[in-house]
């Protein structure tokens, strides 16, 4: 408190500002109002009401709460020179509101002779002989602390690193350099609300479904099937979970946004690989060589996609079609094992034994979502109308979640058909030779 008082006095007397050290100042506004200014000519007391509001983010890279400070000084003086100095003010527009949470109040009195040094005196001290010519300043200091709040911004008011989709005109979060504040923002309405909740709900749903599936008794589901399905559940939970975290923290800072953006793209690759493994495993259930070959192929493609997604420029808005192309191309690699199966087993077996109709529906949903994402449809045709709901990224997220559930149903049907059927004699002989 003593530091605040001394800095407050220095600001009033010498027109110097409060030093916030290494803290991040988001809002800093000063107001000076002089009462009865005509009294300067008669030598009477002049009241100067000086207030400063500063919204400060202490330790912006930590999980600490954001706090603001409010200083209010009421100075009573009779020196026109000092009054002129107090008229200086500054203002920086911010995005925060305030609710008072803490208040401290102190009254200080300072005196000095003209041309002399200031000295602090007791508030109740009387004027001694020889003090009549001294100038006295009484400072009434109120120190108020409040929790910072933020407001949504227009697209053009965002920093460059947050400007991703120019067709979303309003409702964007400002930079929130606090992890706690970012996670609290999931309960607010803004452009990322739908993106956050679509994949958060999907992540929790697949996590619960995976726990239920993997904890079933072995007489219901064998451990081999649990291992195969765990690749899919792991990919789905990681993809949706990393996407949820990215969309929650993308407004934290440039470096944090880039990091979790790369993890988000990595999650997409993991979901594609995790979705292919059960389908290849049960599609070539009785043939070891093509099964191992295609699982290895999709794994290598997945690693390649992850490496490309770690490229810094990969997340830039202008590379949006490239991003969509990489993941669509990775998904289309499934055409190779599909053609192989058709040549060896026929189209009828593909649909009857491999539940291929469900996989076609899954592929359609993924392609539809990627197309909407790459072309920014529908907000491209209705700028400012899809800022909160029904924007392309939300529709893309919805397509991904629905496609993942369709895929789960399809591979479950494939597993049931394979486990309740029998391998051909030549296929079974081939497996025994491999073992």
Protein backbone atom coordinates (compact mmCIF):
# COMPACT_ATOMS: atom_id res chain seq x y z
CA UNK A 1 0.00 0.00 0.00
CA UNK A 2 2.86 2.39 0.80
CA UNK A 3 4.20 1.96 -2.75
CA UNK A 4 0.80 2.85 -4.19
CA UNK A 5 0.62 5.97 -2.01
CA UNK A 6 4.08 7.18 -2.95
CA UNK A 7 3.45 6.55 -6.64
CA UNK A 8 0.09 8.30 -6.38
CA UNK A 9 1.71 11.37 -4.81
CA UNK A 10 4.44 11.39 -7.46
CA UNK A 11 1.81 11.24 -10.21
CA UNK A 12 -0.14 14.16 -8.75
CA UNK A 13 2.90 16.31 -8.04
CA UNK A 14 5.28 15.44 -10.87
CA UNK A 15 2.93 14.11 -13.57
CA UNK A 16 4.57 10.64 -13.61
CA UNK A 17 2.64 7.39 -13.93
CA UNK A 18 2.27 4.37 -11.71
CA UNK A 19 4.87 1.69 -12.49
CA UNK A 20 3.24 -1.69 -13.08
CA UNK A 21 6.58 -3.44 -13.53
CA UNK A 22 6.33 -6.51 -15.79
CA UNK A 23 2.55 -6.76 -15.58
CA UNK A 24 0.49 -6.53 -18.76
CA UNK A 25 -1.71 -3.41 -18.82
CA UNK A 26 -4.82 -3.97 -20.92
CA UNK A 27 -6.68 -0.81 -19.96
CA UNK A 28 -5.29 2.43 -18.51
CA UNK A 29 -7.49 5.52 -18.27
CA UNK A 30 -7.06 8.77 -16.35
CA UNK A 31 -9.65 11.43 -15.51
CA UNK A 32 -8.89 14.84 -13.96
CA UNK A 33 -11.61 17.26 -12.93
CA UNK A 34 -10.91 20.67 -11.37
CA UNK A 35 -13.62 22.18 -9.19
CA UNK A 36 -13.96 25.95 -8.76
CA UNK A 37 -11.04 26.79 -11.11
CA UNK A 38 -11.79 30.51 -10.75
CA UNK A 39 -10.51 30.29 -7.18
CA UNK A 40 -6.95 30.24 -8.52
CA UNK A 41 -7.14 33.99 -9.04
CA UNK A 42 -8.25 34.68 -5.46
CA UNK A 43 -5.88 32.24 -3.77
CA UNK A 44 -8.66 30.12 -2.35
CA UNK A 45 -8.57 26.33 -2.13
CA UNK A 46 -8.93 24.40 -5.37
CA UNK A 47 -10.34 20.85 -5.46
CA UNK A 48 -8.80 18.51 -8.01
CA UNK A 49 -10.52 15.16 -8.51
CA UNK A 50 -8.06 12.75 -10.12
CA UNK A 51 -9.00 9.16 -10.97
CA UNK A 52 -7.12 6.45 -12.78
CA UNK A 53 -8.39 3.05 -13.88
CA UNK A 54 -5.91 0.35 -14.89
CA UNK A 55 -6.81 -3.20 -15.83
CA UNK A 56 -3.70 -5.32 -15.23
CA UNK A 57 -2.95 -8.95 -16.10
CA UNK A 58 -0.47 -10.12 -13.51
CA UNK A 59 1.89 -12.88 -14.74
CA UNK A 60 0.06 -13.31 -18.06
CA UNK A 61 1.54 -16.75 -18.78
CA UNK A 62 0.26 -18.32 -15.57
CA UNK A 63 -3.12 -19.54 -14.41
CA UNK A 64 -3.59 -16.58 -12.06
CA UNK A 65 -6.80 -14.60 -12.20
CA UNK A 66 -6.82 -11.32 -14.08
CA UNK A 67 -7.18 -8.28 -11.85
CA UNK A 68 -7.65 -4.59 -12.29
CA UNK A 69 -6.89 -1.63 -10.04
CA UNK A 70 -8.67 1.66 -9.59
CA UNK A 71 -7.06 4.71 -7.98
CA UNK A 72 -9.02 7.78 -6.95
CA UNK A 73 -7.27 10.86 -5.57
CA UNK A 74 -8.97 13.96 -4.25
CA UNK A 75 -6.42 16.73 -3.75
CA UNK A 76 -7.14 20.05 -2.10
CA UNK A 77 -4.49 22.65 -2.90
CA UNK A 78 -3.99 26.34 -3.56
CA UNK A 79 -1.07 26.33 -5.99
CA UNK A 80 -2.02 26.98 -9.61
CA UNK A 81 1.29 25.54 -10.83
CA UNK A 82 0.47 22.11 -9.45
CA UNK A 83 -3.09 22.33 -10.69
CA UNK A 84 -1.83 22.75 -14.23
CA UNK A 85 0.37 19.69 -13.87
CA UNK A 86 -2.57 17.64 -12.68
CA UNK A 87 -4.55 18.46 -15.79
CA UNK A 88 -2.45 16.03 -17.90
CA UNK A 89 -4.37 12.80 -18.68
CA UNK A 90 -4.07 9.72 -20.87
CA UNK A 91 -6.52 7.09 -22.12
CA UNK A 92 -6.16 3.65 -23.73
CA UNK A 93 -9.32 1.89 -24.86
CA UNK A 94 -9.73 -1.59 -23.38
CA UNK A 95 -12.29 -4.40 -23.39
CA UNK A 96 -12.93 -4.98 -19.70
CA UNK A 97 -15.70 -4.14 -17.28
CA UNK A 98 -15.48 -4.16 -13.51
CA UNK A 99 -17.22 -5.29 -10.32
CA UNK A 100 -15.71 -3.98 -7.09
CA UNK A 101 -14.25 -6.79 -4.99
CA UNK A 102 -11.82 -5.09 -2.59
CA UNK A 103 -11.29 -1.55 -1.35
CA UNK A 104 -8.61 0.26 0.71
CA UNK A 105 -8.83 3.88 1.84
CA UNK A 106 -6.03 6.18 3.06
CA UNK A 107 -5.75 9.93 3.59
CA UNK A 108 -2.35 11.65 3.33
CA UNK A 109 -1.32 15.24 3.89
CA UNK A 110 1.84 16.79 2.47
CA UNK A 111 3.26 20.27 2.88
CA UNK A 112 6.12 22.29 1.45
CA UNK A 113 7.27 25.84 1.28
CA UNK A 114 7.41 27.41 -2.14
CA UNK A 115 10.55 26.12 -3.84
CA UNK A 116 11.15 23.62 -1.01
CA UNK A 117 10.76 19.86 -0.58
CA UNK A 118 7.56 18.02 0.17
CA UNK A 119 7.18 16.45 3.63
CA UNK A 120 4.44 14.28 5.04
CA UNK A 121 2.50 15.55 8.06
CA UNK A 122 -0.08 13.95 10.32
CA UNK A 123 -3.65 14.29 9.17
CA UNK A 124 -4.67 15.97 12.44
CA UNK A 125 -1.60 18.23 12.79
CA UNK A 126 -2.25 21.90 13.37
CA UNK A 127 -0.58 24.74 11.50
CA UNK A 128 2.39 26.03 13.46
CA UNK A 129 3.81 29.50 13.45
CA UNK A 130 5.66 30.11 10.21
CA UNK A 131 3.62 27.50 8.34
CA UNK A 132 1.13 30.03 7.00
CA UNK A 133 3.09 30.39 3.75
CA UNK A 134 3.32 26.61 3.15
CA UNK A 135 1.39 24.83 0.46
CA UNK A 136 -0.63 21.84 1.69
CA UNK A 137 -1.90 18.94 -0.39
CA UNK A 138 -4.39 16.44 1.02
CA UNK A 139 -4.64 13.18 -0.92
CA UNK A 140 -7.61 10.90 -0.36
CA UNK A 141 -6.55 7.56 -1.87
CA UNK A 142 -8.97 4.71 -2.60
CA UNK A 143 -7.52 1.46 -3.89
CA UNK A 144 -10.10 -0.89 -5.43
CA UNK A 145 -9.40 -4.36 -6.85
CA UNK A 146 -11.82 -6.09 -9.20
CA UNK A 147 -11.83 -9.14 -11.41
CA UNK A 148 -11.39 -8.34 -15.08
CA UNK A 149 -14.08 -9.11 -17.64
CA UNK A 150 -13.85 -9.23 -21.41
CA UNK A 151 -16.17 -8.38 -24.26
CA UNK A 152 -16.43 -9.86 -27.75
CA UNK A 153 -14.78 -7.94 -30.58
CA UNK A 154 -15.32 -7.32 -34.25
CA UNK A 155 -13.06 -9.08 -36.73
CA UNK A 156 -11.12 -5.94 -37.66
CA UNK A 157 -10.33 -5.23 -33.99
CA UNK A 158 -8.55 -8.58 -33.56
CA UNK A 159 -4.75 -8.88 -33.69
CA UNK A 160 -3.41 -10.41 -36.90
CA UNK A 161 -2.78 -13.82 -35.32
CA UNK A 162 -6.47 -14.17 -34.39
CA UNK A 163 -7.84 -13.12 -37.78
CA UNK A 164 -8.66 -16.49 -39.33
CA UNK A 165 -12.04 -16.12 -41.06
CA UNK A 166 -12.99 -12.70 -42.41
CA UNK A 167 -16.58 -13.82 -43.03
CA UNK A 168 -17.20 -14.05 -39.28
CA UNK A 169 -17.69 -10.36 -38.60
CA UNK A 170 -18.46 -10.13 -34.88
CA UNK A 171 -18.45 -12.13 -31.65
CA UNK A 172 -14.72 -12.92 -31.38
CA UNK A 173 -12.91 -13.32 -28.08
CA UNK A 174 -10.11 -10.82 -27.39
CA UNK A 175 -6.65 -12.14 -26.46
CA UNK A 176 -6.99 -13.78 -23.02
CA UNK A 177 -3.43 -14.48 -21.80
CA UNK A 178 -4.64 -16.61 -18.89
CA UNK A 179 -5.40 -20.32 -19.13
CA UNK A 180 -8.08 -20.02 -16.45
CA UNK A 181 -9.81 -17.19 -18.31
CA UNK A 182 -9.68 -19.14 -21.59
CA UNK A 183 -11.32 -22.21 -20.03
CA UNK A 184 -13.93 -20.05 -18.30
CA UNK A 185 -14.81 -18.60 -21.70
CA UNK A 186 -16.34 -21.93 -22.81
CA UNK A 187 -19.43 -20.87 -20.84
CA UNK A 188 -19.72 -17.62 -22.84
CA UNK A 189 -21.22 -17.08 -26.28
CA UNK A 190 -18.69 -16.28 -29.01
CA UNK A 191 -17.47 -17.53 -32.39
CA UNK A 192 -15.69 -20.55 -30.86
CA UNK A 193 -18.54 -21.70 -28.61
CA UNK A 194 -19.98 -24.17 -31.12
CA UNK A 195 -16.53 -25.45 -32.11
CA UNK A 196 -15.63 -26.06 -28.48
CA UNK A 197 -18.79 -27.86 -27.41
CA UNK A 198 -19.27 -30.06 -30.49
CA UNK A 199 -15.92 -31.76 -29.92
CA UNK A 200 -16.02 -31.59 -26.11
CA UNK A 201 -19.29 -33.53 -26.08
CA UNK A 202 -17.96 -35.91 -28.74
CA UNK A 203 -14.75 -36.49 -26.79
CA UNK A 204 -16.64 -37.32 -23.58
CA UNK A 205 -19.05 -39.59 -25.47
CA UNK A 206 -16.26 -41.64 -27.09
CA UNK A 207 -14.32 -41.76 -23.84
CA UNK A 208 -17.33 -43.24 -22.01
CA UNK A 209 -18.06 -45.59 -24.90
CA UNK A 210 -14.44 -46.74 -24.98
CA UNK A 211 -14.35 -47.36 -21.22
CA UNK A 212 -17.57 -49.40 -21.46
CA UNK A 213 -16.26 -51.42 -24.43
CA UNK A 214 -12.80 -52.14 -22.97
CA UNK A 215 -14.14 -53.15 -19.54
CA UNK A 216 -16.59 -55.70 -20.89
CA UNK A 217 -15.96 -59.29 -19.68
CA UNK A 218 -13.69 -61.38 -21.88
CA UNK A 219 -16.47 -63.88 -22.53
CA UNK A 220 -18.34 -61.06 -24.30
CA UNK A 221 -15.47 -59.29 -26.06
CA UNK A 222 -12.07 -60.96 -26.51
CA UNK A 223 -8.87 -59.08 -25.68
CA UNK A 224 -7.79 -59.11 -29.35
CA UNK A 225 -10.91 -57.17 -30.30
CA UNK A 226 -10.34 -54.78 -27.41
CA UNK A 227 -6.84 -53.99 -28.69
CA UNK A 228 -8.08 -53.43 -32.24
CA UNK A 229 -10.94 -51.17 -31.14
CA UNK A 230 -8.68 -49.29 -28.71
CA UNK A 231 -6.86 -47.77 -31.71
CA UNK A 232 -10.13 -46.28 -32.88
CA UNK A 233 -11.24 -45.09 -29.43
CA UNK A 234 -7.80 -43.62 -28.73
CA UNK A 235 -7.75 -41.77 -32.05
CA UNK A 236 -11.27 -40.42 -31.57
CA UNK A 237 -10.71 -39.23 -27.99
CA UNK A 238 -7.35 -37.62 -28.84
CA UNK A 239 -8.65 -35.95 -31.99
CA UNK A 240 -11.79 -34.52 -30.40
CA UNK A 241 -10.03 -33.69 -27.13
CA UNK A 242 -7.12 -31.86 -28.75
CA UNK A 243 -9.56 -29.99 -30.98
CA UNK A 244 -11.57 -28.91 -27.94
CA UNK A 245 -8.42 -27.69 -26.16
CA UNK A 246 -7.17 -25.84 -29.24
CA UNK A 247 -10.42 -23.96 -29.79
CA UNK A 248 -10.48 -23.09 -26.09
CA UNK A 249 -6.89 -21.79 -25.92
CA UNK A 250 -6.43 -20.36 -29.42
CA UNK A 251 -7.00 -16.83 -28.08
CA UNK A 252 -4.41 -17.17 -25.27
CA UNK A 253 -1.36 -15.99 -27.21
CA UNK A 254 0.34 -16.49 -30.55
CA UNK A 255 2.75 -19.19 -29.34
CA UNK A 256 0.11 -21.13 -27.38
CA UNK A 257 -2.29 -20.95 -30.31
CA UNK A 258 0.33 -22.29 -32.72
CA UNK A 259 1.28 -25.14 -30.40
CA UNK A 260 -2.26 -26.42 -29.89
CA UNK A 261 -3.11 -25.85 -33.54
CA UNK A 262 -0.35 -28.33 -34.45
CA UNK A 263 -1.67 -30.76 -31.83
CA UNK A 264 -5.15 -30.35 -33.31
CA UNK A 265 -3.91 -31.36 -36.77
CA UNK A 266 -1.97 -34.24 -35.23
CA UNK A 267 -5.22 -35.45 -33.64
CA UNK A 268 -6.92 -35.52 -37.05
CA UNK A 269 -4.16 -37.77 -38.39
CA UNK A 270 -4.48 -40.06 -35.37
CA UNK A 271 -8.23 -40.38 -35.89
CA UNK A 272 -7.76 -41.33 -39.56
CA UNK A 273 -5.14 -43.95 -38.70
CA UNK A 274 -7.22 -45.25 -35.76
CA UNK A 275 -10.26 -45.56 -38.03
CA UNK A 276 -8.38 -47.48 -40.73
CA UNK A 277 -6.82 -50.10 -38.45
CA UNK A 278 -10.06 -51.91 -37.38
CA UNK A 279 -11.46 -51.78 -40.91
CA UNK A 280 -8.28 -53.27 -42.43
CA UNK A 281 -7.98 -55.80 -39.59
CA UNK A 282 -11.49 -57.19 -40.07
CA UNK A 283 -11.59 -56.62 -43.84
CA UNK A 284 -8.52 -58.87 -44.32
CA UNK A 285 -9.26 -60.92 -41.23
CA UNK A 286 -8.18 -64.20 -42.81
CA UNK A 287 -5.16 -62.87 -44.74
CA UNK A 288 -2.09 -61.82 -42.77
CA UNK A 289 0.11 -60.25 -45.46
CA UNK A 290 -2.30 -57.63 -46.89
CA UNK A 291 -3.48 -56.88 -43.37
CA UNK A 292 0.02 -56.01 -42.15
CA UNK A 293 0.92 -54.23 -45.40
CA UNK A 294 -2.06 -51.87 -45.40
CA UNK A 295 -1.88 -51.13 -41.67
CA UNK A 296 1.79 -50.23 -42.14
CA UNK A 297 0.91 -48.09 -45.18
CA UNK A 298 -1.72 -46.02 -43.39
CA UNK A 299 0.55 -45.65 -40.36
CA UNK A 300 3.35 -44.23 -42.52
CA UNK A 301 0.91 -41.84 -44.19
CA UNK A 302 -0.29 -40.76 -40.77
CA UNK A 303 3.25 -40.00 -39.62
CA UNK A 304 3.82 -38.03 -42.83
CA UNK A 305 0.66 -35.99 -42.25
CA UNK A 306 1.78 -35.25 -38.68
CA UNK A 307 5.19 -34.07 -39.91
CA UNK A 308 3.56 -31.76 -42.46
CA UNK A 309 1.17 -30.37 -39.83
CA UNK A 310 4.14 -29.37 -37.66
CA UNK A 311 5.15 -26.86 -40.34
CA UNK A 312 4.40 -23.39 -38.94
CA UNK A 313 2.83 -22.04 -42.13
CA UNK A 314 0.51 -25.06 -42.36
CA UNK A 315 -1.91 -23.35 -39.94
CA UNK A 316 -2.09 -20.05 -41.83
CA UNK A 317 -5.50 -19.13 -43.34
CA UNK A 318 -4.17 -19.12 -46.91
CA UNK A 319 -3.20 -22.81 -46.58
CA UNK A 320 -6.71 -23.86 -45.60
CA UNK A 321 -7.29 -25.77 -48.90
CA UNK A 322 -3.91 -27.49 -48.48
CA UNK A 323 -4.86 -28.65 -44.98
CA UNK A 324 -8.13 -30.04 -46.25
CA UNK A 325 -6.32 -31.67 -49.17
CA UNK A 326 -3.75 -33.41 -46.97
CA UNK A 327 -6.37 -35.05 -44.76
CA UNK A 328 -8.74 -35.85 -47.63
CA UNK A 329 -5.83 -37.41 -49.53
CA UNK A 330 -4.93 -39.45 -46.49
CA UNK A 331 -8.52 -40.67 -46.21
CA UNK A 332 -8.64 -41.52 -49.92
CA UNK A 333 -5.70 -43.88 -49.45
CA UNK A 334 -8.36 -46.35 -48.35
CA UNK A 335 -9.23 -46.78 -52.01
CA UNK A 336 -6.17 -49.05 -52.44
CA UNK A 337 -7.23 -51.78 -49.96
CA UNK A 338 -10.83 -51.43 -51.18
CA UNK A 339 -9.85 -52.17 -54.78
CA UNK A 340 -7.71 -55.07 -53.53
CA UNK A 341 -10.69 -56.54 -51.68
CA UNK A 342 -13.01 -56.13 -54.66
CA UNK A 343 -10.52 -57.99 -56.91
CA UNK A 344 -10.10 -60.90 -54.48
CA UNK A 345 -13.57 -61.18 -52.94
CA UNK A 346 -15.97 -59.23 -55.13
CA UNK A 347 -18.29 -56.27 -54.62
CA UNK A 348 -21.07 -58.35 -53.02
CA UNK A 349 -18.79 -59.59 -50.26
CA UNK A 350 -17.54 -56.02 -49.74
CA UNK A 351 -21.04 -54.88 -48.78
CA UNK A 352 -22.31 -58.04 -47.07
CA UNK A 353 -19.22 -59.03 -45.08
CA UNK A 354 -17.49 -55.66 -44.61
CA UNK A 355 -20.52 -53.42 -43.98
CA UNK A 356 -19.13 -51.15 -46.67
CA UNK A 357 -22.32 -49.08 -46.91
CA UNK A 358 -21.62 -47.65 -43.45
CA UNK A 359 -18.07 -46.81 -44.47
CA UNK A 360 -19.35 -45.04 -47.57
CA UNK A 361 -21.64 -42.94 -45.39
CA UNK A 362 -18.71 -42.16 -43.11
CA UNK A 363 -16.55 -41.12 -46.08
CA UNK A 364 -19.35 -38.91 -47.42
CA UNK A 365 -19.67 -37.10 -44.08
CA UNK A 366 -15.91 -36.54 -43.82
CA UNK A 367 -15.72 -35.22 -47.38
CA UNK A 368 -18.75 -32.99 -46.84
CA UNK A 369 -17.23 -31.52 -43.69
CA UNK A 370 -13.88 -30.95 -45.39
CA UNK A 371 -15.58 -29.27 -48.36
CA UNK A 372 -17.52 -26.89 -46.08
CA UNK A 373 -14.35 -26.15 -44.12
CA UNK A 374 -12.20 -25.45 -47.18
CA UNK A 375 -14.77 -23.23 -48.92
CA UNK A 376 -16.05 -21.52 -45.74
CA UNK A 377 -19.63 -22.33 -46.56
CA UNK A 378 -22.18 -20.96 -45.63
CA UNK A 379 -20.63 -17.81 -44.05
CA UNK A 380 -18.97 -16.96 -47.38
CA UNK A 381 -22.43 -16.29 -48.82
CA UNK A 382 -23.86 -14.73 -45.64
CA UNK A 383 -21.08 -12.65 -44.03
CA UNK A 384 -21.94 -11.72 -40.46
CA UNK A 385 -24.99 -14.02 -40.34
CA UNK A 386 -23.19 -17.17 -39.14
CA UNK A 387 -20.87 -15.60 -36.57
CA UNK A 388 -22.10 -17.71 -33.64
CA UNK A 389 -24.03 -20.65 -35.12
CA UNK A 390 -23.96 -22.70 -38.36
CA UNK A 391 -20.53 -21.53 -39.49
CA UNK A 392 -18.45 -23.89 -41.62
CA UNK A 393 -16.12 -24.99 -38.82
CA UNK A 394 -19.04 -25.99 -36.61
CA UNK A 395 -20.61 -27.96 -39.45
CA UNK A 396 -17.23 -29.59 -40.09
CA UNK A 397 -16.99 -30.57 -36.41
CA UNK A 398 -20.50 -31.99 -36.47
CA UNK A 399 -19.74 -34.04 -39.58
CA UNK A 400 -16.59 -35.43 -37.92
CA UNK A 401 -18.43 -36.53 -34.76
CA UNK A 402 -21.34 -38.11 -36.66
CA UNK A 403 -18.94 -39.82 -39.09
CA UNK A 404 -16.96 -41.27 -36.18
CA UNK A 405 -20.11 -42.80 -34.68
CA UNK A 406 -21.12 -44.17 -38.08
CA UNK A 407 -17.66 -45.71 -38.41
CA UNK A 408 -17.94 -47.28 -34.95
CA UNK A 409 -21.25 -48.88 -35.93
CA UNK A 410 -19.77 -50.11 -39.21
CA UNK A 411 -16.66 -51.75 -37.72
CA UNK A 412 -18.79 -53.26 -34.95
CA UNK A 413 -20.95 -54.92 -37.58
CA UNK A 414 -17.81 -56.07 -39.44
CA UNK A 415 -16.38 -57.56 -36.22
CA UNK A 416 -19.64 -59.40 -35.45
CA UNK A 417 -19.76 -60.89 -38.97
CA UNK A 418 -16.11 -62.01 -38.87
CA UNK A 419 -16.22 -63.42 -35.34
CA UNK A 420 -19.39 -65.38 -36.06
CA UNK A 421 -18.16 -66.71 -39.41
CA UNK A 422 -15.30 -68.90 -40.52
CA UNK A 423 -12.25 -68.24 -42.63
CA UNK A 424 -11.89 -70.18 -45.92
CA UNK A 425 -9.72 -73.26 -45.64
CA UNK A 426 -6.93 -71.77 -47.74
CA UNK A 427 -7.02 -68.55 -45.72
CA UNK A 428 -6.90 -70.48 -42.43
CA UNK A 429 -4.00 -72.58 -43.72
CA UNK A 430 -2.16 -69.40 -44.71
CA UNK A 431 -2.59 -67.96 -41.21
CA UNK A 432 -1.30 -71.12 -39.55
CA UNK A 433 1.77 -71.09 -41.80
CA UNK A 434 2.44 -67.47 -40.89
CA UNK A 435 2.20 -68.31 -37.17
